[in-house]
PDB file of N, CA and C in Angstrom:
ATOM      1  N   MET A   1      68.260  83.820  88.311  1.00  0.00           N
ATOM      2  CA  MET A   1      66.898  83.348  88.427  1.00  0.00           C
ATOM      3  C   MET A   1      65.933  84.207  87.634  1.00  0.00           C
ATOM      4  N   ALA A   2      66.283  85.463  87.423  1.00  0.00           N
ATOM      5  CA  ALA A   2      65.415  86.336  86.639  1.00  0.00           C
ATOM      6  C   ALA A   2      65.266  85.811  85.217  1.00  0.00           C
ATOM      7  N   ASP A   3      66.345  85.204  84.702  1.00  0.00           N
ATOM      8  CA  ASP A   3      66.272  84.654  83.355  1.00  0.00           C
ATOM      9  C   ASP A   3      65.275  83.509  83.277  1.00  0.00           C
ATOM     10  N   LYS A   4      65.217  82.683  84.317  1.00  0.00           N
ATOM     11  CA  LYS A   4      64.285  81.571  84.305  1.00  0.00           C
ATOM     12  C   LYS A   4      62.850  82.072  84.311  1.00  0.00           C
ATOM     13  N   LYS A   5      62.575  83.105  85.108  1.00  0.00           N
ATOM     14  CA  LYS A   5      61.229  83.659  85.138  1.00  0.00           C
ATOM     15  C   LYS A   5      60.872  84.261  83.794  1.00  0.00           C
ATOM     16  N   GLN A   6      61.787  85.031  83.231  1.00  0.00           N
ATOM     17  CA  GLN A   6      61.523  85.657  81.940  1.00  0.00           C
ATOM     18  C   GLN A   6      61.374  84.589  80.869  1.00  0.00           C
ATOM     19  N   GLY A   7      62.202  83.570  80.908  1.00  0.00           N
ATOM     20  CA  GLY A   7      62.122  82.487  79.933  1.00  0.00           C
ATOM     21  C   GLY A   7      60.806  81.737  80.047  1.00  0.00           C
ATOM     22  N   GLY A   8      60.283  81.632  81.256  1.00  0.00           N
ATOM     23  CA  GLY A   8      59.017  80.964  81.455  1.00  0.00           C
ATOM     24  C   GLY A   8      57.851  81.778  80.940  1.00  0.00           C
ATOM     25  N   GLN A   9      57.991  83.079  80.883  1.00  0.00           N
ATOM     26  CA  GLN A   9      56.905  83.928  80.439  1.00  0.00           C
ATOM     27  C   GLN A   9      56.861  84.060  78.920  1.00  0.00           C
ATOM     28  N   ALA A  10      57.988  84.027  78.260  1.00  0.00           N
ATOM     29  CA  ALA A  10      58.034  84.242  76.815  1.00  0.00           C
ATOM     30  C   ALA A  10      57.227  83.211  76.035  1.00  0.00           C
ATOM     31  N   PRO A  11      57.358  81.895  76.310  1.00  0.00           N
ATOM     32  CA  PRO A  11      56.576  80.940  75.532  1.00  0.00           C
ATOM     33  C   PRO A  11      55.073  81.149  75.706  1.00  0.00           C
ATOM     34  N   LYS A  12      54.639  81.587  76.876  1.00  0.00           N
ATOM     35  CA  LYS A  12      53.218  81.821  77.105  1.00  0.00           C
ATOM     36  C   LYS A  12      52.694  82.869  76.139  1.00  0.00           C
ATOM     37  N   ALA A  13      53.454  83.944  75.924  1.00  0.00           N
ATOM     38  CA  ALA A  13      53.043  85.003  75.006  1.00  0.00           C
ATOM     39  C   ALA A  13      53.050  84.493  73.565  1.00  0.00           C
ATOM     40  N   GLU A  14      53.980  83.621  73.224  1.00  0.00           N
ATOM     41  CA  GLU A  14      54.094  83.121  71.861  1.00  0.00           C
ATOM     42  C   GLU A  14      53.166  81.942  71.591  1.00  0.00           C
ATOM     43  N   ALA A  15      52.521  81.414  72.633  1.00  0.00           N
ATOM     44  CA  ALA A  15      51.676  80.242  72.461  1.00  0.00           C
ATOM     45  C   ALA A  15      50.391  80.567  71.709  1.00  0.00           C
ATOM     46  N   ALA A  16      50.004  81.828  71.678  1.00  0.00           N
ATOM     47  CA  ALA A  16      48.778  82.208  70.979  1.00  0.00           C
ATOM     48  C   ALA A  16      48.936  81.952  69.483  1.00  0.00           C
ATOM     49  N   SER A  17      47.861  81.495  68.860  1.00  0.00           N
ATOM     50  CA  SER A  17      47.899  81.236  67.425  1.00  0.00           C
ATOM     51  C   SER A  17      47.839  82.546  66.647  1.00  0.00           C
ATOM     52  N   PHE A  18      48.085  82.445  65.367  1.00  0.00           N
ATOM     53  CA  PHE A  18      47.989  83.616  64.499  1.00  0.00           C
ATOM     54  C   PHE A  18      46.589  84.221  64.595  1.00  0.00           C
ATOM     55  N   GLU A  19      45.585  83.371  64.540  1.00  0.00           N
ATOM     56  CA  GLU A  19      44.202  83.831  64.580  1.00  0.00           C
ATOM     57  C   GLU A  19      43.879  84.540  65.891  1.00  0.00           C
ATOM     58  N   GLU A  20      44.394  84.007  67.006  1.00  0.00           N
ATOM     59  CA  GLU A  20      44.162  84.644  68.309  1.00  0.00           C
ATOM     60  C   GLU A  20      44.826  86.014  68.369  1.00  0.00           C
ATOM     61  N   ASN A  21      46.051  86.099  67.877  1.00  0.00           N
ATOM     62  CA  ASN A  21      46.749  87.390  67.852  1.00  0.00           C
ATOM     63  C   ASN A  21      46.038  88.381  66.937  1.00  0.00           C
ATOM     64  N   LEU A  22      45.544  87.908  65.815  1.00  0.00           N
ATOM     65  CA  LEU A  22      44.831  88.787  64.889  1.00  0.00           C
ATOM     66  C   LEU A  22      43.534  89.296  65.514  1.00  0.00           C
ATOM     67  N   ARG A  23      42.806  88.414  66.195  1.00  0.00           N
ATOM     68  CA  ARG A  23      41.581  88.849  66.885  1.00  0.00           C
ATOM     69  C   ARG A  23      41.895  89.889  67.951  1.00  0.00           C
ATOM     70  N   LYS A  24      42.979  89.668  68.694  1.00  0.00           N
ATOM     71  CA  LYS A  24      43.394  90.627  69.726  1.00  0.00           C
ATOM     72  C   LYS A  24      43.701  91.976  69.084  1.00  0.00           C
ATOM     73  N   LEU A  25      44.435  91.959  67.990  1.00  0.00           N
ATOM     74  CA  LEU A  25      44.787  93.192  67.293  1.00  0.00           C
ATOM     75  C   LEU A  25      43.536  93.910  66.794  1.00  0.00           C
ATOM     76  N   GLU A  26      42.607  93.164  66.217  1.00  0.00           N
ATOM     77  CA  GLU A  26      41.362  93.767  65.738  1.00  0.00           C
ATOM     78  C   GLU A  26      40.563  94.392  66.881  1.00  0.00           C
ATOM     79  N   GLU A  27      40.535  93.724  68.028  1.00  0.00           N
ATOM     80  CA  GLU A  27      39.823  94.256  69.196  1.00  0.00           C
ATOM     81  C   GLU A  27      40.480  95.534  69.697  1.00  0.00           C
ATOM     82  N   VAL A  28      41.811  95.557  69.741  1.00  0.00           N
ATOM     83  CA  VAL A  28      42.541  96.752  70.167  1.00  0.00           C
ATOM     84  C   VAL A  28      42.221  97.915  69.230  1.00  0.00           C
ATOM     85  N   VAL A  29      42.266  97.668  67.928  1.00  0.00           N
ATOM     86  CA  VAL A  29      41.979  98.723  66.953  1.00  0.00           C
ATOM     87  C   VAL A  29      40.555  99.235  67.135  1.00  0.00           C
ATOM     88  N   ARG A  30      39.614  98.326  67.303  1.00  0.00           N
ATOM     89  CA  ARG A  30      38.220  98.724  67.487  1.00  0.00           C
ATOM     90  C   ARG A  30      38.065  99.640  68.705  1.00  0.00           C
ATOM     91  N   ARG A  31      38.675  99.239  69.817  1.00  0.00           N
ATOM     92  CA  ARG A  31      38.551 100.035  71.045  1.00  0.00           C
ATOM     93  C   ARG A  31      39.240 101.383  70.921  1.00  0.00           C
ATOM     94  N   LEU A  32      40.401 101.411  70.260  1.00  0.00           N
ATOM     95  CA  LEU A  32      41.103 102.685  70.082  1.00  0.00           C
ATOM     96  C   LEU A  32      40.330 103.612  69.149  1.00  0.00           C
ATOM     97  N   GLU A  33      39.702 103.053  68.124  1.00  0.00           N
ATOM     98  CA  GLU A  33      38.944 103.875  67.182  1.00  0.00           C
ATOM     99  C   GLU A  33      37.698 104.479  67.813  1.00  0.00           C
ATOM    100  N   GLU A  34      37.173 103.848  68.854  1.00  0.00           N
ATOM    101  CA  GLU A  34      36.018 104.413  69.549  1.00  0.00           C
ATOM    102  C   GLU A  34      36.363 105.774  70.154  1.00  0.00           C
ATOM    103  N   GLY A  35      37.612 105.916  70.601  1.00  0.00           N
ATOM    104  CA  GLY A  35      38.100 107.204  71.066  1.00  0.00           C
ATOM    105  C   GLY A  35      37.606 107.657  72.423  1.00  0.00           C
ATOM    106  N   ASN A  36      37.011 106.784  73.227  1.00  0.00           N
ATOM    107  CA  ASN A  36      36.507 107.204  74.527  1.00  0.00           C
ATOM    108  C   ASN A  36      37.308 106.631  75.690  1.00  0.00           C
ATOM    109  N   LEU A  37      38.596 106.388  75.490  1.00  0.00           N
ATOM    110  CA  LEU A  37      39.467 105.832  76.520  1.00  0.00           C
ATOM    111  C   LEU A  37      40.375 106.910  77.098  1.00  0.00           C
ATOM    112  N   ALA A  38      40.770 106.695  78.334  1.00  0.00           N
ATOM    113  CA  ALA A  38      41.756 107.573  78.949  1.00  0.00           C
ATOM    114  C   ALA A  38      43.103 107.363  78.262  1.00  0.00           C
ATOM    115  N   LEU A  39      43.963 108.348  78.359  1.00  0.00           N
ATOM    116  CA  LEU A  39      45.270 108.274  77.705  1.00  0.00           C
ATOM    117  C   LEU A  39      46.053 107.046  78.153  1.00  0.00           C
ATOM    118  N   ASP A  40      46.091 106.774  79.454  1.00  0.00           N
ATOM    119  CA  ASP A  40      46.837 105.616  79.956  1.00  0.00           C
ATOM    120  C   ASP A  40      46.307 104.310  79.377  1.00  0.00           C
ATOM    121  N   GLU A  41      44.983 104.184  79.319  1.00  0.00           N
ATOM    122  CA  GLU A  41      44.374 102.977  78.758  1.00  0.00           C
ATOM    123  C   GLU A  41      44.662 102.878  77.268  1.00  0.00           C
ATOM    124  N   SER A  42      44.624 103.994  76.566  1.00  0.00           N
ATOM    125  CA  SER A  42      44.940 103.996  75.136  1.00  0.00           C
ATOM    126  C   SER A  42      46.372 103.548  74.894  1.00  0.00           C
ATOM    127  N   LEU A  43      47.295 104.034  75.689  1.00  0.00           N
ATOM    128  CA  LEU A  43      48.700 103.640  75.540  1.00  0.00           C
ATOM    129  C   LEU A  43      48.901 102.161  75.855  1.00  0.00           C
ATOM    130  N   ARG A  44      48.229 101.673  76.891  1.00  0.00           N
ATOM    131  CA  ARG A  44      48.340 100.258  77.240  1.00  0.00           C
ATOM    132  C   ARG A  44      47.804  99.396  76.100  1.00  0.00           C
ATOM    133  N   LEU A  45      46.652  99.764  75.561  1.00  0.00           N
ATOM    134  CA  LEU A  45      46.084  99.021  74.447  1.00  0.00           C
ATOM    135  C   LEU A  45      46.982  99.090  73.212  1.00  0.00           C
ATOM    136  N   TYR A  46      47.541 100.253  72.960  1.00  0.00           N
ATOM    137  CA  TYR A  46      48.446 100.407  71.814  1.00  0.00           C
ATOM    138  C   TYR A  46      49.621  99.441  71.941  1.00  0.00           C
ATOM    139  N   GLN A  47      50.201  99.357  73.131  1.00  0.00           N
ATOM    140  CA  GLN A  47      51.329  98.444  73.352  1.00  0.00           C
ATOM    141  C   GLN A  47      50.902  96.990  73.145  1.00  0.00           C
ATOM    142  N   GLU A  48      49.711  96.628  73.621  1.00  0.00           N
ATOM    143  CA  GLU A  48      49.208  95.270  73.402  1.00  0.00           C
ATOM    144  C   GLU A  48      49.013  95.000  71.905  1.00  0.00           C
ATOM    145  N   GLY A  49      48.509  96.000  71.210  1.00  0.00           N
ATOM    146  CA  GLY A  49      48.310  95.860  69.775  1.00  0.00           C
ATOM    147  C   GLY A  49      49.611  95.671  69.026  1.00  0.00           C
ATOM    148  N   ILE A  50      50.628  96.435  69.420  1.00  0.00           N
ATOM    149  CA  ILE A  50      51.947  96.303  68.789  1.00  0.00           C
ATOM    150  C   ILE A  50      52.497  94.902  69.012  1.00  0.00           C
ATOM    151  N   GLU A  51      52.344  94.373  70.224  1.00  0.00           N
ATOM    152  CA  GLU A  51      52.844  93.024  70.509  1.00  0.00           C
ATOM    153  C   GLU A  51      52.085  91.981  69.687  1.00  0.00           C
ATOM    154  N   ALA A  52      50.769  92.114  69.594  1.00  0.00           N
ATOM    155  CA  ALA A  52      49.979  91.179  68.780  1.00  0.00           C
ATOM    156  C   ALA A  52      50.392  91.274  67.317  1.00  0.00           C
ATOM    157  N   PHE A  53      50.613  92.505  66.827  1.00  0.00           N
ATOM    158  CA  PHE A  53      51.060  92.700  65.447  1.00  0.00           C
ATOM    159  C   PHE A  53      52.409  92.019  65.213  1.00  0.00           C
ATOM    160  N   ARG A  54      53.337  92.202  66.143  1.00  0.00           N
ATOM    161  CA  ARG A  54      54.664  91.596  65.991  1.00  0.00           C
ATOM    162  C   ARG A  54      54.584  90.081  65.954  1.00  0.00           C
ATOM    163  N   GLN A  55      53.726  89.507  66.803  1.00  0.00           N
ATOM    164  CA  GLN A  55      53.566  88.053  66.795  1.00  0.00           C
ATOM    165  C   GLN A  55      52.989  87.581  65.459  1.00  0.00           C
ATOM    166  N   CYS A  56      51.985  88.291  64.958  1.00  0.00           N
ATOM    167  CA  CYS A  56      51.402  87.939  63.659  1.00  0.00           C
ATOM    168  C   CYS A  56      52.456  88.046  62.558  1.00  0.00           C
ATOM    169  N   GLN A  57      53.217  89.124  62.560  1.00  0.00           N
ATOM    170  CA  GLN A  57      54.233  89.337  61.534  1.00  0.00           C
ATOM    171  C   GLN A  57      55.297  88.248  61.587  1.00  0.00           C
ATOM    172  N   LYS A  58      55.702  87.870  62.795  1.00  0.00           N
ATOM    173  CA  LYS A  58      56.701  86.817  62.953  1.00  0.00           C
ATOM    174  C   LYS A  58      56.183  85.495  62.372  1.00  0.00           C
ATOM    175  N   MET A  59      54.924  85.176  62.668  1.00  0.00           N
ATOM    176  CA  MET A  59      54.350  83.933  62.152  1.00  0.00           C
ATOM    177  C   MET A  59      54.229  83.962  60.635  1.00  0.00           C
ATOM    178  N   LEU A  60      53.841  85.103  60.090  1.00  0.00           N
ATOM    179  CA  LEU A  60      53.753  85.228  58.634  1.00  0.00           C
ATOM    180  C   LEU A  60      55.126  85.117  57.980  1.00  0.00           C
ATOM    181  N   ASP A  61      56.129  85.751  58.573  1.00  0.00           N
ATOM    182  CA  ASP A  61      57.490  85.675  58.042  1.00  0.00           C
ATOM    183  C   ASP A  61      57.987  84.233  58.033  1.00  0.00           C
ATOM    184  N   GLU A  62      57.725  83.504  59.124  1.00  0.00           N
ATOM    185  CA  GLU A  62      58.165  82.111  59.198  1.00  0.00           C
ATOM    186  C   GLU A  62      57.439  81.248  58.161  1.00  0.00           C
ATOM    187  N   ALA A  63      56.155  81.497  57.974  1.00  0.00           N
ATOM    188  CA  ALA A  63      55.400  80.743  56.965  1.00  0.00           C
ATOM    189  C   ALA A  63      55.929  81.047  55.569  1.00  0.00           C
ATOM    190  N   GLU A  64      56.238  82.308  55.319  1.00  0.00           N
ATOM    191  CA  GLU A  64      56.775  82.686  54.005  1.00  0.00           C
ATOM    192  C   GLU A  64      58.122  82.027  53.757  1.00  0.00           C
ATOM    193  N   LEU A  65      58.972  81.977  54.758  1.00  0.00           N
ATOM    194  CA  LEU A  65      60.267  81.313  54.601  1.00  0.00           C
ATOM    195  C   LEU A  65      60.085  79.826  54.315  1.00  0.00           C
ATOM    196  N   ARG A  66      59.109  79.233  54.953  1.00  0.00           N
ATOM    197  CA  ARG A  66      58.871  77.804  54.728  1.00  0.00           C
ATOM    198  C   ARG A  66      58.411  77.561  53.299  1.00  0.00           C
ATOM    199  N   VAL A  67      57.519  78.378  52.813  1.00  0.00           N
ATOM    200  CA  VAL A  67      57.044  78.233  51.437  1.00  0.00           C
ATOM    201  C   VAL A  67      58.198  78.452  50.469  1.00  0.00           C
ATOM    202  N   ARG A  68      59.001  79.466  50.709  1.00  0.00           N
ATOM    203  CA  ARG A  68      60.152  79.720  49.826  1.00  0.00           C
ATOM    204  C   ARG A  68      61.102  78.534  49.830  1.00  0.00           C
ATOM    205  N   LYS A  69      61.311  77.933  50.981  1.00  0.00           N
ATOM    206  CA  LYS A  69      62.234  76.818  51.061  1.00  0.00           C
ATOM    207  C   LYS A  69      61.702  75.639  50.246  1.00  0.00           C
ATOM    208  N   LEU A  70      60.413  75.421  50.251  1.00  0.00           N
ATOM    209  CA  LEU A  70      59.830  74.344  49.461  1.00  0.00           C
ATOM    210  C   LEU A  70      59.921  74.646  47.968  1.00  0.00           C
ATOM    211  N   VAL A  71      59.769  75.877  47.589  1.00  0.00           N
ATOM    212  CA  VAL A  71      59.757  76.265  46.188  1.00  0.00           C
ATOM    213  C   VAL A  71      61.173  76.391  45.640  1.00  0.00           C
ATOM    214  N   GLN A  72      62.077  76.914  46.407  1.00  0.00           N
ATOM    215  CA  GLN A  72      63.422  77.211  45.927  1.00  0.00           C
ATOM    216  C   GLN A  72      64.410  76.105  46.300  1.00  0.00           C
ATOM    217  N   THR A  73      64.189  74.935  45.764  1.00  0.00           N
ATOM    218  CA  THR A  73      65.117  73.841  46.020  1.00  0.00           C
ATOM    219  C   THR A  73      66.108  73.723  44.872  1.00  0.00           C
ATOM    220  N   ALA A  74      67.179  73.022  45.120  1.00  0.00           N
ATOM    221  CA  ALA A  74      68.215  72.841  44.101  1.00  0.00           C
ATOM    222  C   ALA A  74      67.684  72.017  42.931  1.00  0.00           C
ATOM    223  N   GLY A  75      68.084  72.351  41.740  1.00  0.00           N
ATOM    224  CA  GLY A  75      67.705  71.605  40.545  1.00  0.00           C
ATOM    225  C   GLY A  75      66.277  71.830  40.087  1.00  0.00           C
ATOM    226  N   GLY A  76      65.572  72.752  40.719  1.00  0.00           N
ATOM    227  CA  GLY A  76      64.212  73.058  40.321  1.00  0.00           C
ATOM    228  C   GLY A  76      63.183  72.015  40.734  1.00  0.00           C
ATOM    229  N   GLU A  77      63.597  71.014  41.479  1.00  0.00           N
ATOM    230  CA  GLU A  77      62.658  69.990  41.928  1.00  0.00           C
ATOM    231  C   GLU A  77      61.998  70.417  43.227  1.00  0.00           C
ATOM    232  N   LEU A  78      60.797  69.947  43.447  1.00  0.00           N
ATOM    233  CA  LEU A  78      60.102  70.222  44.693  1.00  0.00           C
ATOM    234  C   LEU A  78      60.419  69.134  45.697  1.00  0.00           C
ATOM    235  N   ALA A  79      60.897  69.535  46.831  1.00  0.00           N
ATOM    236  CA  ALA A  79      61.206  68.590  47.889  1.00  0.00           C
ATOM    237  C   ALA A  79      60.946  69.264  49.224  1.00  0.00           C
ATOM    238  N   GLU A  80      60.507  68.478  50.183  1.00  0.00           N
ATOM    239  CA  GLU A  80      60.248  69.031  51.511  1.00  0.00           C
ATOM    240  C   GLU A  80      61.491  68.863  52.362  1.00  0.00           C
ATOM    241  N   GLU A  81      61.906  69.969  52.948  1.00  0.00           N
ATOM    242  CA  GLU A  81      63.047  69.962  53.854  1.00  0.00           C
ATOM    243  C   GLU A  81      62.574  70.468  55.200  1.00  0.00           C
ATOM    244  N   PRO A  82      63.221  70.055  56.293  1.00  0.00           N
ATOM    245  CA  PRO A  82      62.811  70.547  57.605  1.00  0.00           C
ATOM    246  C   PRO A  82      62.912  72.063  57.672  1.00  0.00           C
ATOM    247  N   PHE A  83      61.909  72.670  58.256  1.00  0.00           N
ATOM    248  CA  PHE A  83      61.883  74.129  58.394  1.00  0.00           C
ATOM    249  C   PHE A  83      62.377  74.501  59.791  1.00  0.00           C
ATOM    250  N   GLU A  84      63.336  75.391  59.818  1.00  0.00           N
ATOM    251  CA  GLU A  84      63.839  75.918  61.080  1.00  0.00           C
ATOM    252  C   GLU A  84      63.748  77.421  61.020  1.00  0.00           C
ATOM    253  N   PRO A  85      62.940  78.037  61.924  1.00  0.00           N
ATOM    254  CA  PRO A  85      62.821  79.495  61.924  1.00  0.00           C
ATOM    255  C   PRO A  85      64.171  80.140  62.175  1.00  0.00           C
ATOM    256  N   PRO A  86      64.385  81.325  61.623  1.00  0.00           N
ATOM    257  CA  PRO A  86      65.657  82.012  61.862  1.00  0.00           C
ATOM    258  C   PRO A  86      65.832  82.359  63.340  1.00  0.00           C
ATOM    259  N   GLN A  87      67.048  82.260  63.806  1.00  0.00           N
ATOM    260  CA  GLN A  87      67.350  82.604  65.201  1.00  0.00           C
ATOM    261  C   GLN A  87      67.398  84.109  65.352  1.00  0.00           C
ATOM    262  N   GLN A  88      66.776  84.622  66.410  1.00  0.00           N
ATOM    263  CA  GLN A  88      66.763  86.073  66.621  1.00  0.00           C
ATOM    264  C   GLN A  88      67.529  86.455  67.835  1.00  0.00           C
TER     265      GLN A  88
END
């Protein structure tokens, strides 16, 4: 049952758009740069920032793969093929 709970939580974290994750990351950086937070709060924010960064990076990587797939088709022709993100 723990897997079902964890599985239910993962899509919620990934549901945020690239822009939402980027805004979150920018807010975390802004607050950390102010330098007036307790150590525990700084560490918590740092972890949130890392997660937002990873989500942004994952979305960018998937977009880059999609563009490459459109550009790098057989015979040099441009054709659209279904995009499937790599399994992790």
